[in-house]
Amino acid sequence: MKMSRGEEKVMRVIWYFEEKGEEFVNLAKVLEQVNLTCEIQWKSQTASTYLIRLTQKGYIDMRREGREFCYRSLINRKDYIECLFQDLSSFWFNCDPAALHAAIDGWKD
């Protein structure tokens, strides 16, 4: 359930609009919000490529509304983050929560 950094940026935007009550979001909104929140200047083709990849991977759904495509999340943000932590814990800390907590505590100093 791993995404690239670019895909994660797009998903964060889709989840943002979802939390605001918008089930589907179009490319223009995704592009505007990614560029605003991530302080980057993607062109529409870049955002479109990530949306296509996310659709192919089954993370988002796409539907046509008139002349444009709109997208919505098929995965829950909390579930995705949980999966990331599970993977991190498994790979780096042999599924030992105490070792993970100790590492986090060590980084705070």
PDB file of N, CA and C in Angstrom:
ATOM      1  N   MET A   1       0.838  -1.196   0.000  1.00  0.00           N
ATOM      2  CA  MET A   1       0.000   0.000   0.000  1.00  0.00           C
ATOM      3  C   MET A   1       0.876   1.250   0.000  1.00  0.00           C
ATOM      4  N   LYS A   2       2.024   1.157  -0.624  1.00  0.00           N
ATOM      5  CA  LYS A   2       2.983   2.258  -0.635  1.00  0.00           C
ATOM      6  C   LYS A   2       2.728   3.187  -1.819  1.00  0.00           C
ATOM      7  N   MET A   3       2.827   4.485  -1.557  1.00  0.00           N
ATOM      8  CA  MET A   3       2.701   5.502  -2.595  1.00  0.00           C
ATOM      9  C   MET A   3       4.008   6.266  -2.697  1.00  0.00           C
ATOM     10  N   SER A   4       4.249   6.825  -3.862  1.00  0.00           N
ATOM     11  CA  SER A   4       5.399   7.725  -4.020  1.00  0.00           C
ATOM     12  C   SER A   4       5.081   9.044  -3.313  1.00  0.00           C
ATOM     13  N   ARG A   5       6.091   9.884  -3.104  1.00  0.00           N
ATOM     14  CA  ARG A   5       5.875  11.189  -2.458  1.00  0.00           C
ATOM     15  C   ARG A   5       4.894  12.044  -3.251  1.00  0.00           C
ATOM     16  N   GLY A   6       5.027  12.032  -4.564  1.00  0.00           N
ATOM     17  CA  GLY A   6       4.107  12.798  -5.401  1.00  0.00           C
ATOM     18  C   GLY A   6       2.676  12.310  -5.258  1.00  0.00           C
ATOM     19  N   GLU A   7       2.507  10.994  -5.246  1.00  0.00           N
ATOM     20  CA  GLU A   7       1.175  10.415  -5.066  1.00  0.00           C
ATOM     21  C   GLU A   7       0.609  10.780  -3.701  1.00  0.00           C
ATOM     22  N   GLU A   8       1.461  10.765  -2.687  1.00  0.00           N
ATOM     23  CA  GLU A   8       1.000  11.147  -1.350  1.00  0.00           C
ATOM     24  C   GLU A   8       0.559  12.607  -1.305  1.00  0.00           C
ATOM     25  N   LYS A   9       1.244  13.469  -2.004  1.00  0.00           N
ATOM     26  CA  LYS A   9       0.844  14.884  -2.047  1.00  0.00           C
ATOM     27  C   LYS A   9      -0.534  15.025  -2.663  1.00  0.00           C
ATOM     28  N   VAL A  10      -0.789  14.296  -3.724  1.00  0.00           N
ATOM     29  CA  VAL A  10      -2.101  14.331  -4.371  1.00  0.00           C
ATOM     30  C   VAL A  10      -3.163  13.743  -3.450  1.00  0.00           C
ATOM     31  N   MET A  11      -2.850  12.635  -2.798  1.00  0.00           N
ATOM     32  CA  MET A  11      -3.818  12.021  -1.877  1.00  0.00           C
ATOM     33  C   MET A  11      -4.146  12.954  -0.723  1.00  0.00           C
ATOM     34  N   ARG A  12      -3.145  13.658  -0.184  1.00  0.00           N
ATOM     35  CA  ARG A  12      -3.412  14.614   0.904  1.00  0.00           C
ATOM     36  C   ARG A  12      -4.419  15.656   0.456  1.00  0.00           C
ATOM     37  N   VAL A  13      -4.321  16.106  -0.774  1.00  0.00           N
ATOM     38  CA  VAL A  13      -5.272  17.087  -1.306  1.00  0.00           C
ATOM     39  C   VAL A  13      -6.656  16.466  -1.450  1.00  0.00           C
ATOM     40  N   ILE A  14      -6.726  15.266  -1.971  1.00  0.00           N
ATOM     41  CA  ILE A  14      -8.029  14.602  -2.123  1.00  0.00           C
ATOM     42  C   ILE A  14      -8.669  14.396  -0.760  1.00  0.00           C
ATOM     43  N   TRP A  15      -7.885  13.956   0.232  1.00  0.00           N
ATOM     44  CA  TRP A  15      -8.423  13.795   1.592  1.00  0.00           C
ATOM     45  C   TRP A  15      -8.853  15.140   2.179  1.00  0.00           C
ATOM     46  N   TYR A  16      -8.109  16.203   1.880  1.00  0.00           N
ATOM     47  CA  TYR A  16      -8.456  17.547   2.352  1.00  0.00           C
ATOM     48  C   TYR A  16      -9.853  17.931   1.855  1.00  0.00           C
ATOM     49  N   PHE A  17     -10.095  17.764   0.569  1.00  0.00           N
ATOM     50  CA  PHE A  17     -11.407  18.105   0.019  1.00  0.00           C
ATOM     51  C   PHE A  17     -12.495  17.171   0.552  1.00  0.00           C
ATOM     52  N   GLU A  18     -12.141  15.923   0.771  1.00  0.00           N
ATOM     53  CA  GLU A  18     -13.084  14.963   1.344  1.00  0.00           C
ATOM     54  C   GLU A  18     -13.519  15.414   2.739  1.00  0.00           C
ATOM     55  N   GLU A  19     -12.555  15.864   3.544  1.00  0.00           N
ATOM     56  CA  GLU A  19     -12.862  16.353   4.893  1.00  0.00           C
ATOM     57  C   GLU A  19     -13.727  17.609   4.855  1.00  0.00           C
ATOM     58  N   LYS A  20     -13.638  18.374   3.763  1.00  0.00           N
ATOM     59  CA  LYS A  20     -14.456  19.577   3.589  1.00  0.00           C
ATOM     60  C   LYS A  20     -15.831  19.254   3.008  1.00  0.00           C
ATOM     61  N   GLY A  21     -16.089  17.962   2.786  1.00  0.00           N
ATOM     62  CA  GLY A  21     -17.399  17.538   2.313  1.00  0.00           C
ATOM     63  C   GLY A  21     -17.526  17.371   0.810  1.00  0.00           C
ATOM     64  N   GLU A  22     -16.426  17.504   0.066  1.00  0.00           N
ATOM     65  CA  GLU A  22     -16.468  17.308  -1.383  1.00  0.00           C
ATOM     66  C   GLU A  22     -16.051  15.880  -1.702  1.00  0.00           C
ATOM     67  N   GLU A  23     -17.011  15.088  -2.161  1.00  0.00           N
ATOM     68  CA  GLU A  23     -16.718  13.692  -2.439  1.00  0.00           C
ATOM     69  C   GLU A  23     -15.797  13.543  -3.643  1.00  0.00           C
ATOM     70  N   PHE A  24     -16.066  14.291  -4.715  1.00  0.00           N
ATOM     71  CA  PHE A  24     -15.251  14.235  -5.927  1.00  0.00           C
ATOM     72  C   PHE A  24     -14.580  15.581  -6.156  1.00  0.00           C
ATOM     73  N   VAL A  25     -13.359  15.560  -6.664  1.00  0.00           N
ATOM     74  CA  VAL A  25     -12.597  16.776  -6.927  1.00  0.00           C
ATOM     75  C   VAL A  25     -11.960  16.673  -8.312  1.00  0.00           C
ATOM     76  N   ASN A  26     -11.927  17.788  -9.032  1.00  0.00           N
ATOM     77  CA  ASN A  26     -11.384  17.766 -10.390  1.00  0.00           C
ATOM     78  C   ASN A  26      -9.891  18.104 -10.402  1.00  0.00           C
ATOM     79  N   LEU A  27      -9.284  17.933 -11.555  1.00  0.00           N
ATOM     80  CA  LEU A  27      -7.851  18.160 -11.731  1.00  0.00           C
ATOM     81  C   LEU A  27      -7.452  19.582 -11.358  1.00  0.00           C
ATOM     82  N   ALA A  28      -8.239  20.560 -11.761  1.00  0.00           N
ATOM     83  CA  ALA A  28      -7.900  21.958 -11.484  1.00  0.00           C
ATOM     84  C   ALA A  28      -7.793  22.226  -9.986  1.00  0.00           C
ATOM     85  N   LYS A  29      -8.718  21.688  -9.210  1.00  0.00           N
ATOM     86  CA  LYS A  29      -8.677  21.879  -7.756  1.00  0.00           C
ATOM     87  C   LYS A  29      -7.488  21.156  -7.133  1.00  0.00           C
ATOM     88  N   VAL A  30      -7.229  19.943  -7.613  1.00  0.00           N
ATOM     89  CA  VAL A  30      -6.079  19.184  -7.106  1.00  0.00           C
ATOM     90  C   VAL A  30      -4.799  19.966  -7.373  1.00  0.00           C
ATOM     91  N   LEU A  31      -4.628  20.413  -8.598  1.00  0.00           N
ATOM     92  CA  LEU A  31      -3.422  21.139  -8.991  1.00  0.00           C
ATOM     93  C   LEU A  31      -3.249  22.414  -8.171  1.00  0.00           C
ATOM     94  N   GLU A  32      -4.310  23.189  -8.046  1.00  0.00           N
ATOM     95  CA  GLU A  32      -4.235  24.446  -7.288  1.00  0.00           C
ATOM     96  C   GLU A  32      -3.846  24.195  -5.837  1.00  0.00           C
ATOM     97  N   GLN A  33      -4.470  23.213  -5.215  1.00  0.00           N
ATOM     98  CA  GLN A  33      -4.219  22.947  -3.796  1.00  0.00           C
ATOM     99  C   GLN A  33      -2.833  22.341  -3.560  1.00  0.00           C
ATOM    100  N   VAL A  34      -2.389  21.455  -4.445  1.00  0.00           N
ATOM    101  CA  VAL A  34      -1.042  20.883  -4.318  1.00  0.00           C
ATOM    102  C   VAL A  34      -0.010  21.997  -4.421  1.00  0.00           C
ATOM    103  N   ASN A  35      -0.138  22.843  -5.414  1.00  0.00           N
ATOM    104  CA  ASN A  35       0.821  23.933  -5.602  1.00  0.00           C
ATOM    105  C   ASN A  35       0.807  24.903  -4.430  1.00  0.00           C
ATOM    106  N   LEU A  36      -0.358  25.131  -3.868  1.00  0.00           N
ATOM    107  CA  LEU A  36      -0.487  26.047  -2.733  1.00  0.00           C
ATOM    108  C   LEU A  36       0.095  25.459  -1.454  1.00  0.00           C
ATOM    109  N   THR A  37      -0.288  24.243  -1.126  1.00  0.00           N
ATOM    110  CA  THR A  37       0.111  23.657   0.161  1.00  0.00           C
ATOM    111  C   THR A  37       1.511  23.068   0.155  1.00  0.00           C
ATOM    112  N   CYS A  38       1.973  22.612  -0.986  1.00  0.00           N
ATOM    113  CA  CYS A  38       3.296  21.978  -1.052  1.00  0.00           C
ATOM    114  C   CYS A  38       4.370  22.934  -1.558  1.00  0.00           C
ATOM    115  N   GLU A  39       3.967  24.149  -1.886  1.00  0.00           N
ATOM    116  CA  GLU A  39       4.882  25.171  -2.383  1.00  0.00           C
ATOM    117  C   GLU A  39       5.732  24.665  -3.548  1.00  0.00           C
ATOM    118  N   ILE A  40       5.037  24.069  -4.510  1.00  0.00           N
ATOM    119  CA  ILE A  40       5.672  23.602  -5.742  1.00  0.00           C
ATOM    120  C   ILE A  40       4.881  24.170  -6.899  1.00  0.00           C
ATOM    121  N   GLN A  41       5.375  24.039  -8.080  1.00  0.00           N
ATOM    122  CA  GLN A  41       4.669  24.535  -9.258  1.00  0.00           C
ATOM    123  C   GLN A  41       4.550  23.436 -10.306  1.00  0.00           C
ATOM    124  N   TRP A  42       3.685  22.480 -10.017  1.00  0.00           N
ATOM    125  CA  TRP A  42       3.427  21.431 -10.977  1.00  0.00           C
ATOM    126  C   TRP A  42       2.612  21.990 -12.135  1.00  0.00           C
ATOM    127  N   LYS A  43       2.778  21.410 -13.293  1.00  0.00           N
ATOM    128  CA  LYS A  43       1.900  21.674 -14.421  1.00  0.00           C
ATOM    129  C   LYS A  43       0.760  20.658 -14.349  1.00  0.00           C
ATOM    130  N   SER A  44      -0.314  20.918 -15.066  1.00  0.00           N
ATOM    131  CA  SER A  44      -1.477  20.026 -14.991  1.00  0.00           C
ATOM    132  C   SER A  44      -1.131  18.601 -15.410  1.00  0.00           C
ATOM    133  N   GLN A  45      -0.203  18.445 -16.347  1.00  0.00           N
ATOM    134  CA  GLN A  45       0.179  17.098 -16.806  1.00  0.00           C
ATOM    135  C   GLN A  45       0.803  16.281 -15.674  1.00  0.00           C
ATOM    136  N   THR A  46       1.576  16.931 -14.805  1.00  0.00           N
ATOM    137  CA  THR A  46       2.204  16.229 -13.681  1.00  0.00           C
ATOM    138  C   THR A  46       1.138  15.712 -12.723  1.00  0.00           C
ATOM    139  N   ALA A  47       0.221  16.586 -12.337  1.00  0.00           N
ATOM    140  CA  ALA A  47      -0.855  16.173 -11.429  1.00  0.00           C
ATOM    141  C   ALA A  47      -1.715  15.095 -12.084  1.00  0.00           C
ATOM    142  N   SER A  48      -1.985  15.240 -13.357  1.00  0.00           N
ATOM    143  CA  SER A  48      -2.786  14.259 -14.088  1.00  0.00           C
ATOM    144  C   SER A  48      -2.115  12.886 -14.091  1.00  0.00           C
ATOM    145  N   THR A  49      -0.798  12.875 -14.270  1.00  0.00           N
ATOM    146  CA  THR A  49      -0.057  11.613 -14.256  1.00  0.00           C
ATOM    147  C   THR A  49      -0.199  10.919 -12.907  1.00  0.00           C
ATOM    148  N   TYR A  50      -0.062  11.675 -11.817  1.00  0.00           N
ATOM    149  CA  TYR A  50      -0.223  11.083 -10.482  1.00  0.00           C
ATOM    150  C   TYR A  50      -1.649  10.588 -10.271  1.00  0.00           C
ATOM    151  N   LEU A  51      -2.637  11.318 -10.750  1.00  0.00           N
ATOM    152  CA  LEU A  51      -4.029  10.883 -10.615  1.00  0.00           C
ATOM    153  C   LEU A  51      -4.268   9.581 -11.374  1.00  0.00           C
ATOM    154  N   ILE A  52      -3.699   9.462 -12.547  1.00  0.00           N
ATOM    155  CA  ILE A  52      -3.834   8.225 -13.328  1.00  0.00           C
ATOM    156  C   ILE A  52      -3.184   7.054 -12.589  1.00  0.00           C
ATOM    157  N   ARG A  53      -1.977   7.277 -12.063  1.00  0.00           N
ATOM    158  CA  ARG A  53      -1.292   6.208 -11.314  1.00  0.00           C
ATOM    159  C   ARG A  53      -2.101   5.779 -10.095  1.00  0.00           C
ATOM    160  N   LEU A  54      -2.635   6.755  -9.364  1.00  0.00           N
ATOM    161  CA  LEU A  54      -3.423   6.430  -8.170  1.00  0.00           C
ATOM    162  C   LEU A  54      -4.687   5.659  -8.541  1.00  0.00           C
ATOM    163  N   THR A  55      -5.267   6.001  -9.678  1.00  0.00           N
ATOM    164  CA  THR A  55      -6.445   5.271 -10.165  1.00  0.00           C
ATOM    165  C   THR A  55      -6.060   3.838 -10.517  1.00  0.00           C
ATOM    166  N   GLN A  56      -4.952   3.674 -11.226  1.00  0.00           N
ATOM    167  CA  GLN A  56      -4.493   2.337 -11.619  1.00  0.00           C
ATOM    168  C   GLN A  56      -4.160   1.471 -10.406  1.00  0.00           C
ATOM    169  N   LYS A  57      -3.643   2.088  -9.361  1.00  0.00           N
ATOM    170  CA  LYS A  57      -3.285   1.346  -8.146  1.00  0.00           C
ATOM    171  C   LYS A  57      -4.498   1.055  -7.260  1.00  0.00           C
ATOM    172  N   GLY A  58      -5.637   1.662  -7.580  1.00  0.00           N
ATOM    173  CA  GLY A  58      -6.854   1.406  -6.813  1.00  0.00           C
ATOM    174  C   GLY A  58      -7.018   2.281  -5.582  1.00  0.00           C
ATOM    175  N   TYR A  59      -6.256   3.372  -5.499  1.00  0.00           N
ATOM    176  CA  TYR A  59      -6.353   4.280  -4.350  1.00  0.00           C
ATOM    177  C   TYR A  59      -7.457   5.314  -4.516  1.00  0.00           C
ATOM    178  N   ILE A  60      -7.763   5.647  -5.779  1.00  0.00           N
ATOM    179  CA  ILE A  60      -8.821   6.615  -6.047  1.00  0.00           C
ATOM    180  C   ILE A  60      -9.724   6.096  -7.153  1.00  0.00           C
ATOM    181  N   ASP A  61     -10.899   6.678  -7.210  1.00  0.00           N
ATOM    182  CA  ASP A  61     -11.894   6.354  -8.225  1.00  0.00           C
ATOM    183  C   ASP A  61     -12.034   7.581  -9.122  1.00  0.00           C
ATOM    184  N   MET A  62     -12.357   7.360 -10.380  1.00  0.00           N
ATOM    185  CA  MET A  62     -12.495   8.447 -11.335  1.00  0.00           C
ATOM    186  C   MET A  62     -13.859   8.346 -12.005  1.00  0.00           C
ATOM    187  N   ARG A  63     -14.479   9.502 -12.215  1.00  0.00           N
ATOM    188  CA  ARG A  63     -15.714   9.530 -12.991  1.00  0.00           C
ATOM    189  C   ARG A  63     -15.711  10.773 -13.872  1.00  0.00           C
ATOM    190  N   ARG A  64     -16.426  10.678 -14.931  1.00  0.00           N
ATOM    191  CA  ARG A  64     -16.513  11.792 -15.878  1.00  0.00           C
ATOM    192  C   ARG A  64     -17.710  12.659 -15.506  1.00  0.00           C
ATOM    193  N   GLU A  65     -17.466  13.960 -15.427  1.00  0.00           N
ATOM    194  CA  GLU A  65     -18.534  14.935 -15.206  1.00  0.00           C
ATOM    195  C   GLU A  65     -18.450  15.954 -16.326  1.00  0.00           C
ATOM    196  N   GLY A  66     -19.300  15.807 -17.324  1.00  0.00           N
ATOM    197  CA  GLY A  66     -19.227  16.686 -18.487  1.00  0.00           C
ATOM    198  C   GLY A  66     -17.950  16.427 -19.256  1.00  0.00           C
ATOM    199  N   ARG A  67     -17.117  17.475 -19.375  1.00  0.00           N
ATOM    200  CA  ARG A  67     -15.879  17.359 -20.151  1.00  0.00           C
ATOM    201  C   ARG A  67     -14.655  17.073 -19.290  1.00  0.00           C
ATOM    202  N   GLU A  68     -14.853  16.917 -17.980  1.00  0.00           N
ATOM    203  CA  GLU A  68     -13.690  16.703 -17.113  1.00  0.00           C
ATOM    204  C   GLU A  68     -13.859  15.449 -16.264  1.00  0.00           C
ATOM    205  N   PHE A  69     -12.738  14.984 -15.742  1.00  0.00           N
ATOM    206  CA  PHE A  69     -12.740  13.848 -14.833  1.00  0.00           C
ATOM    207  C   PHE A  69     -12.646  14.361 -13.404  1.00  0.00           C
ATOM    208  N   CYS A  70     -13.321  13.665 -12.513  1.00  0.00           N
ATOM    209  CA  CYS A  70     -13.278  13.994 -11.094  1.00  0.00           C
ATOM    210  C   CYS A  70     -12.859  12.743 -10.328  1.00  0.00           C
ATOM    211  N   TYR A  71     -12.247  12.964  -9.177  1.00  0.00           N
ATOM    212  CA  TYR A  71     -11.619  11.875  -8.435  1.00  0.00           C
ATOM    213  C   TYR A  71     -12.065  11.889  -6.985  1.00  0.00           C
ATOM    214  N   ARG A  72     -12.104  10.677  -6.391  1.00  0.00           N
ATOM    215  CA  ARG A  72     -12.383  10.546  -4.960  1.00  0.00           C
ATOM    216  C   ARG A  72     -11.551   9.413  -4.393  1.00  0.00           C
ATOM    217  N   SER A  73     -11.317   9.505  -3.112  1.00  0.00           N
ATOM    218  CA  SER A  73     -10.498   8.504  -2.433  1.00  0.00           C
ATOM    219  C   SER A  73     -11.263   7.200  -2.245  1.00  0.00           C
ATOM    220  N   LEU A  74     -10.549   6.102  -2.424  1.00  0.00           N
ATOM    221  CA  LEU A  74     -11.105   4.785  -2.121  1.00  0.00           C
ATOM    222  C   LEU A  74     -10.470   4.193  -0.868  1.00  0.00           C
ATOM    223  N   ILE A  75      -9.474   4.906  -0.320  1.00  0.00           N
ATOM    224  CA  ILE A  75      -8.826   4.441   0.901  1.00  0.00           C
ATOM    225  C   ILE A  75      -8.924   5.523   1.968  1.00  0.00           C
ATOM    226  N   ASN A  76      -8.985   5.081   3.186  1.00  0.00           N
ATOM    227  CA  ASN A  76      -9.094   5.975   4.324  1.00  0.00           C
ATOM    228  C   ASN A  76      -7.715   6.501   4.712  1.00  0.00           C
ATOM    229  N   ARG A  77      -7.643   7.796   5.012  1.00  0.00           N
ATOM    230  CA  ARG A  77      -6.366   8.415   5.392  1.00  0.00           C
ATOM    231  C   ARG A  77      -5.772   7.750   6.633  1.00  0.00           C
ATOM    232  N   LYS A  78      -6.606   7.543   7.633  1.00  0.00           N
ATOM    233  CA  LYS A  78      -6.136   6.926   8.877  1.00  0.00           C
ATOM    234  C   LYS A  78      -5.588   5.525   8.624  1.00  0.00           C
ATOM    235  N   ASP A  79      -6.278   4.747   7.805  1.00  0.00           N
ATOM    236  CA  ASP A  79      -5.820   3.396   7.485  1.00  0.00           C
ATOM    237  C   ASP A  79      -4.480   3.417   6.758  1.00  0.00           C
ATOM    238  N   TYR A  80      -4.305   4.382   5.848  1.00  0.00           N
ATOM    239  CA  TYR A  80      -3.045   4.482   5.117  1.00  0.00           C
ATOM    240  C   TYR A  80      -1.893   4.824   6.064  1.00  0.00           C
ATOM    241  N   ILE A  81      -2.114   5.785   6.947  1.00  0.00           N
ATOM    242  CA  ILE A  81      -1.069   6.176   7.898  1.00  0.00           C
ATOM    243  C   ILE A  81      -0.739   5.017   8.832  1.00  0.00           C
ATOM    244  N   GLU A  82      -1.761   4.296   9.269  1.00  0.00           N
ATOM    245  CA  GLU A  82      -1.554   3.122  10.118  1.00  0.00           C
ATOM    246  C   GLU A  82      -0.682   2.086   9.407  1.00  0.00           C
ATOM    247  N   CYS A  83      -0.955   1.883   8.135  1.00  0.00           N
ATOM    248  CA  CYS A  83      -0.181   0.930   7.336  1.00  0.00           C
ATOM    249  C   CYS A  83       1.275   1.374   7.238  1.00  0.00           C
ATOM    250  N   LEU A  84       1.497   2.676   7.062  1.00  0.00           N
ATOM    251  CA  LEU A  84       2.866   3.201   7.011  1.00  0.00           C
ATOM    252  C   LEU A  84       3.614   2.939   8.311  1.00  0.00           C
ATOM    253  N   PHE A  85       2.936   3.166   9.441  1.00  0.00           N
ATOM    254  CA  PHE A  85       3.573   2.923  10.737  1.00  0.00           C
ATOM    255  C   PHE A  85       3.845   1.436  10.957  1.00  0.00           C
ATOM    256  N   GLN A  86       2.923   0.595  10.520  1.00  0.00           N
ATOM    257  CA  GLN A  86       3.132  -0.853  10.626  1.00  0.00           C
ATOM    258  C   GLN A  86       4.370  -1.269   9.832  1.00  0.00           C
ATOM    259  N   ASP A  87       4.479  -0.746   8.631  1.00  0.00           N
ATOM    260  CA  ASP A  87       5.612  -1.065   7.765  1.00  0.00           C
ATOM    261  C   ASP A  87       6.919  -0.563   8.383  1.00  0.00           C
ATOM    262  N   LEU A  88       6.902   0.652   8.892  1.00  0.00           N
ATOM    263  CA  LEU A  88       8.076   1.223   9.548  1.00  0.00           C
ATOM    264  C   LEU A  88       8.482   0.388  10.752  1.00  0.00           C
ATOM    265  N   SER A  89       7.514   0.069  11.566  1.00  0.00           N
ATOM    266  CA  SER A  89       7.774  -0.721  12.774  1.00  0.00           C
ATOM    267  C   SER A  89       8.310  -2.105  12.420  1.00  0.00           C
ATOM    268  N   SER A  90       7.720  -2.724  11.430  1.00  0.00           N
ATOM    269  CA  SER A  90       8.133  -4.060  11.028  1.00  0.00           C
ATOM    270  C   SER A  90       9.555  -4.069  10.471  1.00  0.00           C
ATOM    271  N   PHE A  91       9.842  -3.131   9.581  1.00  0.00           N
ATOM    272  CA  PHE A  91      11.140  -3.125   8.906  1.00  0.00           C
ATOM    273  C   PHE A  91      12.279  -2.688   9.823  1.00  0.00           C
ATOM    274  N   TRP A  92      12.084  -1.608  10.550  1.00  0.00           N
ATOM    275  CA  TRP A  92      13.171  -1.033  11.334  1.00  0.00           C
ATOM    276  C   TRP A  92      13.227  -1.508  12.778  1.00  0.00           C
ATOM    277  N   PHE A  93      12.107  -1.929  13.334  1.00  0.00           N
ATOM    278  CA  PHE A  93      12.065  -2.241  14.765  1.00  0.00           C
ATOM    279  C   PHE A  93      11.524  -3.631  15.071  1.00  0.00           C
ATOM    280  N   ASN A  94      11.495  -4.520  14.071  1.00  0.00           N
ATOM    281  CA  ASN A  94      11.043  -5.907  14.247  1.00  0.00           C
ATOM    282  C   ASN A  94       9.720  -6.016  14.996  1.00  0.00           C
ATOM    283  N   CYS A  95       8.799  -5.112  14.678  1.00  0.00           N
ATOM    284  CA  CYS A  95       7.454  -5.086  15.281  1.00  0.00           C
ATOM    285  C   CYS A  95       7.490  -4.909  16.793  1.00  0.00           C
ATOM    286  N   ASP A  96       8.530  -4.297  17.302  1.00  0.00           N
ATOM    287  CA  ASP A  96       8.667  -4.065  18.745  1.00  0.00           C
ATOM    288  C   ASP A  96       8.286  -2.621  19.058  1.00  0.00           C
ATOM    289  N   PRO A  97       7.073  -2.394  19.596  1.00  0.00           N
ATOM    290  CA  PRO A  97       6.624  -1.031  19.887  1.00  0.00           C
ATOM    291  C   PRO A  97       7.551  -0.293  20.852  1.00  0.00           C
ATOM    292  N   ALA A  98       8.139  -1.009  21.790  1.00  0.00           N
ATOM    293  CA  ALA A  98       9.039  -0.365  22.755  1.00  0.00           C
ATOM    294  C   ALA A  98      10.271   0.207  22.039  1.00  0.00           C
ATOM    295  N   ALA A  99      10.811  -0.520  21.073  1.00  0.00           N
ATOM    296  CA  ALA A  99      11.970  -0.043  20.323  1.00  0.00           C
ATOM    297  C   ALA A  99      11.610   1.185  19.490  1.00  0.00           C
ATOM    298  N   LEU A 100      10.428   1.173  18.909  1.00  0.00           N
ATOM    299  CA  LEU A 100       9.960   2.326  18.138  1.00  0.00           C
ATOM    300  C   LEU A 100       9.813   3.550  19.040  1.00  0.00           C
ATOM    301  N   HIS A 101       9.180   3.361  20.194  1.00  0.00           N
ATOM    302  CA  HIS A 101       9.005   4.477  21.142  1.00  0.00           C
ATOM    303  C   HIS A 101      10.353   5.007  21.633  1.00  0.00           C
ATOM    304  N   ALA A 102      11.282   4.117  21.902  1.00  0.00           N
ATOM    305  CA  ALA A 102      12.611   4.532  22.362  1.00  0.00           C
ATOM    306  C   ALA A 102      13.312   5.366  21.285  1.00  0.00           C
ATOM    307  N   ALA A 103      13.155   4.960  20.031  1.00  0.00           N
ATOM    308  CA  ALA A 103      13.764   5.708  18.938  1.00  0.00           C
ATOM    309  C   ALA A 103      13.141   7.099  18.823  1.00  0.00           C
ATOM    310  N   ILE A 104      11.830   7.168  18.945  1.00  0.00           N
ATOM    311  CA  ILE A 104      11.134   8.461  18.870  1.00  0.00           C
ATOM    312  C   ILE A 104      11.565   9.351  20.035  1.00  0.00           C
ATOM    313  N   ASP A 105      11.638   8.787  21.226  1.00  0.00           N
ATOM    314  CA  ASP A 105      12.087   9.553  22.395  1.00  0.00           C
ATOM    315  C   ASP A 105      13.508  10.060  22.194  1.00  0.00           C
ATOM    316  N   GLY A 106      14.354   9.250  21.577  1.00  0.00           N
ATOM    317  CA  GLY A 106      15.740   9.650  21.325  1.00  0.00           C
ATOM    318  C   GLY A 106      15.845  10.789  20.318  1.00  0.00           C
ATOM    319  N   TRP A 107      14.912  10.859  19.371  1.00  0.00           N
ATOM    320  CA  TRP A 107      14.941  11.915  18.373  1.00  0.00           C
ATOM    321  C   TRP A 107      14.483  13.240  18.937  1.00  0.00           C
ATOM    322  N   LYS A 108      13.711  13.205  20.021  1.00  0.00           N
ATOM    323  CA  LYS A 108      13.193  14.426  20.626  1.00  0.00           C
ATOM    324  C   LYS A 108      14.305  15.252  21.246  1.00  0.00           C
ATOM    325  N   ASP A 109      15.359  14.601  21.695  1.00  0.00           N
ATOM    326  CA  ASP A 109      16.428  15.303  22.407  1.00  0.00           C
ATOM    327  C   ASP A 109      17.300  16.133  21.521  1.00  0.00           C
TER     328      ASP A 109
END
